[in-house]
Amino acid sequence: MSLNGKQVIVSAGPTYEDIDPARFIGNRSSGKMGFAIAAEAARRGAAVVLVAGPVHLPTPEGVTRIDVRSAAQMHEAVTSALPASIYIGAAAVADFTPQAFSSAKLKKKPGTETLTLELVRTRDILADVAAHPLRPKRVVGFAAETNDIEHYARGKLQAKRVDMICANRVGVTGSGFEADDNALHVFWTQGDATLGPAPKAEVAAVLLDLIDKELD
């Protein structure tokens, strides 16, 4: 599949939601899957904008990279990059962020064994892109799950009104966060397909072929 003349936005990696100057809420996403997708899309001729959370990966050749830290910053960067032909939301965006940031490091209080942290929902980047006036022709999301993968993926496909959901199991060897390989179960309205297990670069190539075949 050639992507010449197409604009592709990819989000990748985790987000870090700061609690105080010393601590944050984060996750184990390495960004490798999103970076592999961005690299493959650029290789196929697309103009690629890669919105990257805090990861230590080199920028793929021919890709415009925007580094962000928080879910709010990623939301702003992704929506500001519109319009595009395709958006692939491979980032593991935090669902919650601290209600208030403490400018001073939170200290242990004598006699207190617990700490209550108030969290609020972050804005849903995938759903907001799917509902945006400049909605890309194709909106593809990821769902990292530990169980009931098909149930949660199909629910996300419908609830967020996206074109395709790529679900993967996390917490197992050779798939998901921090691994070099991945295995995806991809769902769309008319069907589903299993990709991998394989190196993430190979999974990225097959995924872009699938988007072209099933969604065009």
Protein backbone atom coordinates (compact mmCIF):
# COMPACT_ATOMS: atom_id res chain seq x y z
CA MET A 1 0.00 0.00 0.00
CA SER A 2 1.34 3.41 -0.99
CA LEU A 3 0.63 6.35 1.27
CA ASN A 4 1.94 9.00 -1.11
CA GLY A 5 0.05 12.24 -0.57
CA LYS A 6 -1.51 11.04 2.70
CA GLN A 7 -1.19 12.79 6.05
CA VAL A 8 -0.85 10.37 8.95
CA ILE A 9 -0.87 11.19 12.66
CA VAL A 10 0.41 8.58 15.09
CA SER A 11 0.46 8.88 18.87
CA ALA A 12 2.86 6.65 20.78
CA GLY A 13 4.20 5.87 24.22
CA PRO A 14 2.86 6.56 27.70
CA THR A 15 1.78 9.77 29.33
CA TYR A 16 3.10 10.92 32.69
CA GLU A 17 0.62 12.64 34.98
CA ASP A 18 2.56 14.68 37.52
CA ILE A 19 1.67 14.48 41.20
CA ASP A 20 4.45 16.74 42.51
CA PRO A 21 7.94 17.71 41.30
CA ALA A 22 9.26 14.25 42.24
CA ARG A 23 6.46 11.84 41.32
CA PHE A 24 4.07 10.98 38.54
CA ILE A 25 1.50 8.39 37.47
CA GLY A 26 2.62 6.49 34.39
CA ASN A 27 2.60 3.12 32.67
CA ARG A 28 4.97 0.65 31.03
CA SER A 29 4.43 1.61 27.39
CA SER A 30 7.76 1.83 25.53
CA GLY A 31 6.34 3.54 22.43
CA LYS A 32 7.90 0.91 20.18
CA MET A 33 4.64 -0.07 18.45
CA GLY A 34 3.67 3.50 17.62
CA PHE A 35 7.17 4.35 16.44
CA ALA A 36 7.17 1.26 14.19
CA ILE A 37 3.85 2.35 12.66
CA ALA A 38 5.14 5.89 12.09
CA ALA A 39 8.32 4.57 10.47
CA GLU A 40 6.40 2.24 8.15
CA ALA A 41 3.90 4.95 7.16
CA ALA A 42 6.77 7.30 6.30
CA ARG A 43 8.49 4.55 4.32
CA ARG A 44 5.31 4.25 2.27
CA GLY A 45 5.38 7.92 1.40
CA ALA A 46 3.09 9.50 4.00
CA ALA A 47 3.69 12.83 5.66
CA VAL A 48 3.79 11.60 9.25
CA VAL A 49 3.36 13.51 12.48
CA LEU A 50 4.39 11.41 15.49
CA VAL A 51 3.12 12.66 18.86
CA ALA A 52 5.36 10.91 21.37
CA GLY A 53 5.02 10.59 25.11
CA PRO A 54 8.15 10.42 27.30
CA VAL A 55 10.16 7.64 25.63
CA HIS A 56 13.81 7.14 24.72
CA LEU A 57 13.54 6.16 21.05
CA PRO A 58 15.14 7.72 17.96
CA THR A 59 12.87 9.61 15.61
CA PRO A 60 12.09 7.53 12.50
CA GLU A 61 13.48 8.88 9.26
CA GLY A 62 11.17 11.33 7.49
CA VAL A 63 8.87 11.74 10.49
CA THR A 64 7.92 15.01 12.21
CA ARG A 65 8.05 14.38 15.94
CA ILE A 66 6.24 16.29 18.69
CA ASP A 67 7.26 15.38 22.24
CA VAL A 68 4.69 15.66 25.02
CA ARG A 69 4.44 14.50 28.63
CA SER A 70 0.84 14.52 29.83
CA ALA A 71 -2.48 13.36 28.43
CA ALA A 72 -3.62 16.97 28.13
CA GLN A 73 -0.51 17.86 26.12
CA MET A 74 -0.99 14.83 23.87
CA HIS A 75 -4.63 15.78 23.27
CA GLU A 76 -3.60 19.29 22.28
CA ALA A 77 -0.81 18.10 19.99
CA VAL A 78 -2.93 15.49 18.20
CA THR A 79 -5.94 17.73 17.60
CA SER A 80 -3.70 20.62 16.54
CA ALA A 81 -2.10 18.35 13.90
CA LEU A 82 -5.45 17.81 12.17
CA PRO A 83 -6.52 17.55 9.39
CA ALA A 84 -5.09 14.19 8.38
CA SER A 85 -6.01 11.20 6.26
CA ILE A 86 -5.39 8.65 9.02
CA TYR A 87 -5.03 8.84 12.79
CA ILE A 88 -3.58 5.83 14.61
CA GLY A 89 -3.77 6.17 18.37
CA ALA A 90 -1.18 3.68 19.60
CA ALA A 91 -0.32 5.64 22.75
CA ALA A 92 -1.17 4.31 26.20
CA VAL A 93 -2.82 7.49 27.43
CA ALA A 94 -3.64 7.83 31.12
CA ASP A 95 -7.35 7.61 31.87
CA PHE A 96 -6.91 9.66 35.06
CA THR A 97 -4.71 12.51 36.22
CA PRO A 98 -4.25 14.10 39.67
CA GLN A 99 -6.91 16.70 40.33
CA ALA A 100 -4.28 19.09 41.64
CA PHE A 101 -0.51 19.29 41.18
CA SER A 102 1.46 19.95 44.34
CA SER A 103 4.27 22.44 43.72
CA ALA A 104 6.07 21.04 46.78
CA LYS A 105 6.99 17.41 47.26
CA LEU A 106 4.32 15.58 49.26
CA LYS A 107 5.77 14.48 52.59
CA LYS A 108 5.02 11.56 54.85
CA LYS A 109 3.09 12.68 57.89
CA PRO A 110 3.98 11.15 61.26
CA GLY A 111 1.40 8.59 62.35
CA THR A 112 -0.19 8.39 58.89
CA GLU A 113 0.11 5.13 56.94
CA THR A 114 -1.99 6.03 53.88
CA LEU A 115 -2.25 8.78 51.31
CA THR A 116 -5.39 9.61 49.38
CA LEU A 117 -4.83 10.94 45.88
CA GLU A 118 -7.79 12.55 44.11
CA LEU A 119 -7.87 11.70 40.40
CA VAL A 120 -10.01 13.08 37.59
CA ARG A 121 -10.69 11.75 34.10
CA THR A 122 -8.50 12.90 31.24
CA ARG A 123 -9.96 13.94 27.90
CA ASP A 124 -10.50 11.01 25.53
CA ILE A 125 -8.18 11.67 22.59
CA LEU A 126 -9.45 8.83 20.41
CA ALA A 127 -13.13 9.67 20.85
CA ASP A 128 -12.49 13.38 20.38
CA VAL A 129 -10.59 12.80 17.12
CA ALA A 130 -13.40 10.53 15.88
CA ALA A 131 -15.97 13.26 16.63
CA HIS A 132 -13.84 16.18 15.41
CA PRO A 133 -15.09 18.42 12.56
CA LEU A 134 -11.76 17.63 10.85
CA ARG A 135 -12.11 13.89 11.49
CA PRO A 136 -9.58 11.85 9.52
CA LYS A 137 -11.04 9.45 6.97
CA ARG A 138 -9.71 6.59 9.07
CA VAL A 139 -9.45 6.58 12.87
CA VAL A 140 -7.71 3.56 14.41
CA GLY A 141 -7.29 2.99 18.13
CA PHE A 142 -5.46 0.57 20.40
CA ALA A 143 -6.77 -1.26 23.45
CA ALA A 144 -4.33 -2.77 25.93
CA GLU A 145 -6.20 -5.35 27.98
CA THR A 146 -5.46 -8.11 30.47
CA ASN A 147 -8.68 -10.12 29.99
CA ASP A 148 -11.92 -10.26 27.98
CA ILE A 149 -10.08 -8.69 25.07
CA GLU A 150 -12.77 -9.07 22.42
CA HIS A 151 -15.52 -7.80 24.71
CA TYR A 152 -13.64 -4.64 25.66
CA ALA A 153 -12.28 -4.01 22.16
CA ARG A 154 -15.67 -4.27 20.46
CA GLY A 155 -17.17 -2.05 23.14
CA LYS A 156 -14.49 0.55 22.50
CA LEU A 157 -15.02 0.30 18.75
CA GLN A 158 -18.70 1.14 19.16
CA ALA A 159 -18.51 3.63 22.01
CA LYS A 160 -15.76 5.76 20.51
CA ARG A 161 -17.13 5.50 16.94
CA VAL A 162 -13.79 4.64 15.43
CA ASP A 163 -13.10 2.54 12.35
CA MET A 164 -10.78 -0.07 13.84
CA ILE A 165 -9.50 -1.20 17.23
CA CYS A 166 -6.20 -3.04 17.68
CA ALA A 167 -6.33 -5.01 20.91
CA ASN A 168 -3.36 -6.58 22.60
CA ARG A 169 -2.86 -8.46 25.83
CA VAL A 170 -0.48 -6.84 28.29
CA GLY A 171 1.28 -8.53 31.15
CA VAL A 172 2.37 -11.54 29.09
CA THR A 173 5.73 -12.29 27.50
CA GLY A 174 6.20 -11.22 23.87
CA SER A 175 3.20 -8.91 23.63
CA GLY A 176 2.28 -5.40 24.58
CA PHE A 177 4.31 -3.09 26.77
CA GLU A 178 8.13 -3.09 26.79
CA ALA A 179 8.43 -6.00 24.32
CA ASP A 180 10.07 -5.99 20.88
CA ASP A 181 7.36 -8.31 19.52
CA ASN A 182 3.62 -7.88 19.54
CA ALA A 183 0.41 -9.73 18.76
CA LEU A 184 -2.78 -7.87 17.91
CA HIS A 185 -6.40 -8.90 17.54
CA VAL A 186 -7.85 -6.25 15.25
CA PHE A 187 -11.59 -5.53 15.11
CA TRP A 188 -13.70 -3.48 12.70
CA THR A 189 -17.43 -3.44 12.01
CA GLN A 190 -17.33 -6.09 9.29
CA GLY A 191 -14.75 -8.44 10.76
CA ASP A 192 -11.59 -9.13 12.69
CA ALA A 193 -8.06 -10.46 12.16
CA THR A 194 -5.13 -11.68 14.21
CA LEU A 195 -1.69 -10.19 13.57
CA GLY A 196 1.51 -11.73 14.92
CA PRO A 197 3.15 -12.60 17.16
CA ALA A 198 5.98 -10.95 15.25
CA PRO A 199 8.45 -8.08 15.59
CA LYS A 200 6.62 -4.80 15.94
CA ALA A 201 7.98 -3.53 12.59
CA GLU A 202 6.36 -6.50 10.86
CA VAL A 203 3.10 -6.05 12.76
CA ALA A 204 3.07 -2.37 11.73
CA ALA A 205 3.42 -3.27 8.04
CA VAL A 206 0.63 -5.85 8.16
CA LEU A 207 -1.60 -3.43 10.09
CA LEU A 208 -1.22 -0.71 7.46
CA ASP A 209 -2.05 -3.27 4.76
CA LEU A 210 -5.15 -4.27 6.73
CA ILE A 211 -6.28 -0.65 7.12
CA ASP A 212 -5.94 -0.21 3.36
CA LYS A 213 -7.76 -3.45 2.52
CA GLU A 214 -10.63 -3.35 5.01
CA LEU A 215 -11.34 0.33 5.46
CA ASP A 216 -10.90 1.81 1.97
